[in-house]
PDB file of N, CA and C in Angstrom:
ATOM      1  N   MET A   1      94.455 134.645-118.939  1.00  0.00           N
ATOM      2  CA  MET A   1      93.911 133.312-119.130  1.00  0.00           C
ATOM      3  C   MET A   1      94.947 132.310-118.626  1.00  0.00           C
ATOM      4  N   LYS A   2      94.452 131.296-117.913  1.00  0.00           N
ATOM      5  CA  LYS A   2      95.343 130.285-117.352  1.00  0.00           C
ATOM      6  C   LYS A   2      94.792 128.909-117.699  1.00  0.00           C
ATOM      7  N   ALA A   3      95.674 128.028-118.100  1.00  0.00           N
ATOM      8  CA  ALA A   3      95.260 126.656-118.442  1.00  0.00           C
ATOM      9  C   ALA A   3      94.918 125.882-117.178  1.00  0.00           C
ATOM     10  N   ASN A   4      93.975 124.975-117.301  1.00  0.00           N
ATOM     11  CA  ASN A   4      93.661 124.046-116.219  1.00  0.00           C
ATOM     12  C   ASN A   4      94.618 122.869-116.383  1.00  0.00           C
ATOM     13  N   GLU A   5      95.689 122.907-115.607  1.00  0.00           N
ATOM     14  CA  GLU A   5      96.766 121.935-115.779  1.00  0.00           C
ATOM     15  C   GLU A   5      96.287 120.495-115.655  1.00  0.00           C
ATOM     16  N   PHE A   6      95.391 120.236-114.703  1.00  0.00           N
ATOM     17  CA  PHE A   6      94.935 118.860-114.495  1.00  0.00           C
ATOM     18  C   PHE A   6      94.161 118.348-115.709  1.00  0.00           C
ATOM     19  N   LYS A   7      93.321 119.198-116.288  1.00  0.00           N
ATOM     20  CA  LYS A   7      92.575 118.785-117.481  1.00  0.00           C
ATOM     21  C   LYS A   7      93.507 118.537-118.660  1.00  0.00           C
ATOM     22  N   VAL A   8      94.537 119.350-118.785  1.00  0.00           N
ATOM     23  CA  VAL A   8      95.523 119.148-119.849  1.00  0.00           C
ATOM     24  C   VAL A   8      96.219 117.807-119.653  1.00  0.00           C
ATOM     25  N   LEU A   9      96.638 117.515-118.421  1.00  0.00           N
ATOM     26  CA  LEU A   9      97.279 116.233-118.137  1.00  0.00           C
ATOM     27  C   LEU A   9      96.339 115.058-118.393  1.00  0.00           C
ATOM     28  N   GLU A  10      95.080 115.194-117.968  1.00  0.00           N
ATOM     29  CA  GLU A  10      94.106 114.125-118.218  1.00  0.00           C
ATOM     30  C   GLU A  10      93.975 113.834-119.706  1.00  0.00           C
ATOM     31  N   ASP A  11      93.904 114.884-120.510  1.00  0.00           N
ATOM     32  CA  ASP A  11      93.784 114.723-121.952  1.00  0.00           C
ATOM     33  C   ASP A  11      95.024 114.045-122.534  1.00  0.00           C
ATOM     34  N   CYS A  12      96.199 114.469-122.080  1.00  0.00           N
ATOM     35  CA  CYS A  12      97.443 113.858-122.557  1.00  0.00           C
ATOM     36  C   CYS A  12      97.524 112.386-122.163  1.00  0.00           C
ATOM     37  N   ILE A  13      97.123 112.075-120.951  1.00  0.00           N
ATOM     38  CA  ILE A  13      97.139 110.688-120.482  1.00  0.00           C
ATOM     39  C   ILE A  13      96.202 109.839-121.328  1.00  0.00           C
ATOM     40  N   GLU A  14      94.979 110.329-121.533  1.00  0.00           N
ATOM     41  CA  GLU A  14      93.993 109.590-122.321  1.00  0.00           C
ATOM     42  C   GLU A  14      94.486 109.347-123.747  1.00  0.00           C
ATOM     43  N   LYS A  15      95.013 110.391-124.378  1.00  0.00           N
ATOM     44  CA  LYS A  15      95.513 110.257-125.753  1.00  0.00           C
ATOM     45  C   LYS A  15      96.719 109.329-125.821  1.00  0.00           C
ATOM     46  N   GLY A  16      97.583 109.398-124.814  1.00  0.00           N
ATOM     47  CA  GLY A  16      98.748 108.523-124.779  1.00  0.00           C
ATOM     48  C   GLY A  16      98.360 107.059-124.629  1.00  0.00           C
ATOM     49  N   ILE A  17      97.368 106.785-123.801  1.00  0.00           N
ATOM     50  CA  ILE A  17      96.885 105.416-123.623  1.00  0.00           C
ATOM     51  C   ILE A  17      96.257 104.914-124.920  1.00  0.00           C
ATOM     52  N   GLU A  18      95.451 105.738-125.568  1.00  0.00           N
ATOM     53  CA  GLU A  18      94.844 105.353-126.852  1.00  0.00           C
ATOM     54  C   GLU A  18      95.925 105.027-127.887  1.00  0.00           C
ATOM     55  N   TYR A  19      96.949 105.869-127.942  1.00  0.00           N
ATOM     56  CA  TYR A  19      98.040 105.654-128.888  1.00  0.00           C
ATOM     57  C   TYR A  19      98.773 104.347-128.584  1.00  0.00           C
ATOM     58  N   GLY A  20      99.051 104.112-127.313  1.00  0.00           N
ATOM     59  CA  GLY A  20      99.742 102.893-126.921  1.00  0.00           C
ATOM     60  C   GLY A  20      98.945 101.645-127.253  1.00  0.00           C
ATOM     61  N   LEU A  21      97.635 101.691-127.028  1.00  0.00           N
ATOM     62  CA  LEU A  21      96.783 100.546-127.360  1.00  0.00           C
ATOM     63  C   LEU A  21      96.713 100.317-128.867  1.00  0.00           C
ATOM     64  N   MET A  22      96.688 101.401-129.626  1.00  0.00           N
ATOM     65  CA  MET A  22      96.682 101.276-131.076  1.00  0.00           C
ATOM     66  C   MET A  22      97.967 100.597-131.557  1.00  0.00           C
ATOM     67  N   LYS A  23      99.101 101.001-130.993  1.00  0.00           N
ATOM     68  CA  LYS A  23     100.381 100.386-131.349  1.00  0.00           C
ATOM     69  C   LYS A  23     100.418  98.917-130.925  1.00  0.00           C
ATOM     70  N   PHE A  24      99.856  98.615-129.773  1.00  0.00           N
ATOM     71  CA  PHE A  24      99.805  97.240-129.286  1.00  0.00           C
ATOM     72  C   PHE A  24      99.043  96.354-130.261  1.00  0.00           C
ATOM     73  N   HIS A  25      97.866  96.826-130.693  1.00  0.00           N
ATOM     74  CA  HIS A  25      97.040  96.042-131.622  1.00  0.00           C
ATOM     75  C   HIS A  25      97.726  95.860-132.979  1.00  0.00           C
ATOM     76  N   LYS A  26      98.584  96.784-133.340  1.00  0.00           N
ATOM     77  CA  LYS A  26      99.288  96.693-134.623  1.00  0.00           C
ATOM     78  C   LYS A  26     100.250  95.510-134.640  1.00  0.00           C
ATOM     79  N   TYR A  27     100.836  95.185-133.494  1.00  0.00           N
ATOM     80  CA  TYR A  27     101.878  94.162-133.444  1.00  0.00           C
ATOM     81  C   TYR A  27     101.425  92.806-132.910  1.00  0.00           C
ATOM     82  N   TYR A  28     100.212  92.732-132.371  1.00  0.00           N
ATOM     83  CA  TYR A  28      99.721  91.461-131.826  1.00  0.00           C
ATOM     84  C   TYR A  28      98.409  91.094-132.496  1.00  0.00           C
ATOM     85  N   ASP A  29      98.265  89.817-132.831  1.00  0.00           N
ATOM     86  CA  ASP A  29      97.127  89.364-133.630  1.00  0.00           C
ATOM     87  C   ASP A  29      95.909  88.919-132.828  1.00  0.00           C
ATOM     88  N   PHE A  30      96.000  88.838-131.510  1.00  0.00           N
ATOM     89  CA  PHE A  30      94.845  88.354-130.760  1.00  0.00           C
ATOM     90  C   PHE A  30      93.912  89.497-130.380  1.00  0.00           C
ATOM     91  N   GLU A  31      92.637  89.162-130.258  1.00  0.00           N
ATOM     92  CA  GLU A  31      91.611  90.150-129.929  1.00  0.00           C
ATOM     93  C   GLU A  31      91.382  90.204-128.420  1.00  0.00           C
ATOM     94  N   ILE A  32      91.190  91.397-127.924  1.00  0.00           N
ATOM     95  CA  ILE A  32      90.814  91.608-126.532  1.00  0.00           C
ATOM     96  C   ILE A  32      89.417  92.224-126.549  1.00  0.00           C
ATOM     97  N   PRO A  33      88.469  91.648-125.795  1.00  0.00           N
ATOM     98  CA  PRO A  33      87.104  92.196-125.791  1.00  0.00           C
ATOM     99  C   PRO A  33      87.090  93.680-125.401  1.00  0.00           C
ATOM    100  N   ASP A  34      86.165  94.431-126.020  1.00  0.00           N
ATOM    101  CA  ASP A  34      86.068  95.871-125.772  1.00  0.00           C
ATOM    102  C   ASP A  34      85.890  96.194-124.295  1.00  0.00           C
ATOM    103  N   GLU A  35      85.120  95.385-123.583  1.00  0.00           N
ATOM    104  CA  GLU A  35      84.904  95.689-122.162  1.00  0.00           C
ATOM    105  C   GLU A  35      86.216  95.581-121.378  1.00  0.00           C
ATOM    106  N   HIS A  36      87.091  94.670-121.780  1.00  0.00           N
ATOM    107  CA  HIS A  36      88.391  94.555-121.124  1.00  0.00           C
ATOM    108  C   HIS A  36      89.286  95.735-121.487  1.00  0.00           C
ATOM    109  N   ILE A  37      89.214  96.171-122.732  1.00  0.00           N
ATOM    110  CA  ILE A  37      89.997  97.335-123.175  1.00  0.00           C
ATOM    111  C   ILE A  37      89.539  98.575-122.406  1.00  0.00           C
ATOM    112  N   ASN A  38      88.230  98.767-122.288  1.00  0.00           N
ATOM    113  CA  ASN A  38      87.703  99.931-121.575  1.00  0.00           C
ATOM    114  C   ASN A  38      88.113  99.911-120.110  1.00  0.00           C
ATOM    115  N   ASN A  39      88.063  98.741-119.485  1.00  0.00           N
ATOM    116  CA  ASN A  39      88.489  98.624-118.096  1.00  0.00           C
ATOM    117  C   ASN A  39      89.981  98.908-117.964  1.00  0.00           C
ATOM    118  N   LEU A  40      90.773  98.390-118.887  1.00  0.00           N
ATOM    119  CA  LEU A  40      92.214  98.642-118.881  1.00  0.00           C
ATOM    120  C   LEU A  40      92.500 100.135-118.995  1.00  0.00           C
ATOM    121  N   LYS A  41      91.831 100.818-119.925  1.00  0.00           N
ATOM    122  CA  LYS A  41      92.020 102.261-120.102  1.00  0.00           C
ATOM    123  C   LYS A  41      91.703 103.011-118.810  1.00  0.00           C
ATOM    124  N   GLN A  42      90.559 102.671-118.197  1.00  0.00           N
ATOM    125  CA  GLN A  42      90.153 103.354-116.968  1.00  0.00           C
ATOM    126  C   GLN A  42      91.168 103.142-115.850  1.00  0.00           C
ATOM    127  N   GLN A  43      91.625 101.913-115.702  1.00  0.00           N
ATOM    128  CA  GLN A  43      92.582 101.620-114.640  1.00  0.00           C
ATOM    129  C   GLN A  43      93.923 102.304-114.878  1.00  0.00           C
ATOM    130  N   LEU A  44      94.367 102.346-116.132  1.00  0.00           N
ATOM    131  CA  LEU A  44      95.615 103.049-116.451  1.00  0.00           C
ATOM    132  C   LEU A  44      95.486 104.543-116.180  1.00  0.00           C
ATOM    133  N   GLU A  45      94.387 105.151-116.624  1.00  0.00           N
ATOM    134  CA  GLU A  45      94.164 106.580-116.384  1.00  0.00           C
ATOM    135  C   GLU A  45      94.130 106.872-114.891  1.00  0.00           C
ATOM    136  N   TYR A  46      93.430 106.038-114.147  1.00  0.00           N
ATOM    137  CA  TYR A  46      93.309 106.218-112.697  1.00  0.00           C
ATOM    138  C   TYR A  46      94.684 106.099-112.028  1.00  0.00           C
ATOM    139  N   GLY A  47      95.427 105.066-112.375  1.00  0.00           N
ATOM    140  CA  GLY A  47      96.726 104.850-111.758  1.00  0.00           C
ATOM    141  C   GLY A  47      97.718 105.956-112.076  1.00  0.00           C
ATOM    142  N   ILE A  48      97.757 106.381-113.333  1.00  0.00           N
ATOM    143  CA  ILE A  48      98.674 107.450-113.734  1.00  0.00           C
ATOM    144  C   ILE A  48      98.292 108.762-113.049  1.00  0.00           C
ATOM    145  N   SER A  49      97.002 109.085-113.047  1.00  0.00           N
ATOM    146  CA  SER A  49      96.529 110.324-112.411  1.00  0.00           C
ATOM    147  C   SER A  49      96.849 110.336-110.923  1.00  0.00           C
ATOM    148  N   ASN A  50      96.650 109.203-110.260  1.00  0.00           N
ATOM    149  CA  ASN A  50      96.962 109.128-108.826  1.00  0.00           C
ATOM    150  C   ASN A  50      98.443 109.362-108.563  1.00  0.00           C
ATOM    151  N   GLN A  51      99.294 108.792-109.396  1.00  0.00           N
ATOM    152  CA  GLN A  51     100.728 108.991-109.213  1.00  0.00           C
ATOM    153  C   GLN A  51     101.114 110.449-109.433  1.00  0.00           C
ATOM    154  N   ILE A  52     100.537 111.090-110.422  1.00  0.00           N
ATOM    155  CA  ILE A  52     100.823 112.506-110.676  1.00  0.00           C
ATOM    156  C   ILE A  52     100.375 113.348-109.482  1.00  0.00           C
ATOM    157  N   CYS A  53      99.193 113.047-108.942  1.00  0.00           N
ATOM    158  CA  CYS A  53      98.656 113.823-107.818  1.00  0.00           C
ATOM    159  C   CYS A  53      99.446 113.605-106.528  1.00  0.00           C
ATOM    160  N   GLU A  54     100.218 112.525-106.454  1.00  0.00           N
ATOM    161  CA  GLU A  54     101.092 112.312-105.299  1.00  0.00           C
ATOM    162  C   GLU A  54     102.207 113.355-105.258  1.00  0.00           C
ATOM    163  N   TYR A  55     102.596 113.874-106.406  1.00  0.00           N
ATOM    164  CA  TYR A  55     103.746 114.768-106.494  1.00  0.00           C
ATOM    165  C   TYR A  55     103.394 116.214-106.826  1.00  0.00           C
ATOM    166  N   PHE A  56     102.194 116.463-107.344  1.00  0.00           N
ATOM    167  CA  PHE A  56     101.820 117.807-107.756  1.00  0.00           C
ATOM    168  C   PHE A  56     100.491 118.210-107.138  1.00  0.00           C
ATOM    169  N   ASN A  57     100.379 119.498-106.792  1.00  0.00           N
ATOM    170  CA  ASN A  57      99.118 120.087-106.350  1.00  0.00           C
ATOM    171  C   ASN A  57      98.576 120.925-107.500  1.00  0.00           C
ATOM    172  N   PHE A  58      97.281 120.856-107.712  1.00  0.00           N
ATOM    173  CA  PHE A  58      96.670 121.610-108.793  1.00  0.00           C
ATOM    174  C   PHE A  58      95.750 122.670-108.198  1.00  0.00           C
ATOM    175  N   ASP A  59      95.925 123.896-108.665  1.00  0.00           N
ATOM    176  CA  ASP A  59      95.112 125.014-108.223  1.00  0.00           C
ATOM    177  C   ASP A  59      93.886 125.082-109.109  1.00  0.00           C
ATOM    178  N   ASN A  60      92.696 124.899-108.550  1.00  0.00           N
ATOM    179  CA  ASN A  60      91.458 124.878-109.324  1.00  0.00           C
ATOM    180  C   ASN A  60      90.703 126.188-109.248  1.00  0.00           C
ATOM    181  N   ASP A  61      91.381 127.302-108.901  1.00  0.00           N
ATOM    182  CA  ASP A  61      90.707 128.598-108.825  1.00  0.00           C
ATOM    183  C   ASP A  61      90.115 129.027-110.156  1.00  0.00           C
ATOM    184  N   GLY A  62      90.658 128.553-111.256  1.00  0.00           N
ATOM    185  CA  GLY A  62      90.146 128.916-112.574  1.00  0.00           C
ATOM    186  C   GLY A  62      88.815 128.270-112.904  1.00  0.00           C
ATOM    187  N   ASP A  63      88.378 127.296-112.084  1.00  0.00           N
ATOM    188  CA  ASP A  63      87.105 126.613-112.325  1.00  0.00           C
ATOM    189  C   ASP A  63      85.913 127.412-111.829  1.00  0.00           C
ATOM    190  N   LYS A  64      86.136 128.455-111.047  1.00  0.00           N
ATOM    191  CA  LYS A  64      85.031 129.224-110.452  1.00  0.00           C
ATOM    192  C   LYS A  64      84.362 130.093-111.474  1.00  0.00           C
TER     193      LYS A  64
END
């Protein structure tokens, strides 16, 4: 059995962003609309994933 490294990284990135946003809301009193938060999450995930893919190749043979 082999882990799908890219899916593991995606999950870690998503959880890390959620954690960071939770910490942000703890220390700042202003509200950010949900649609802006969702867009921010997507853009952060996209940017981080793109940077990782610049340096690493992922073997997807386990997806077959």
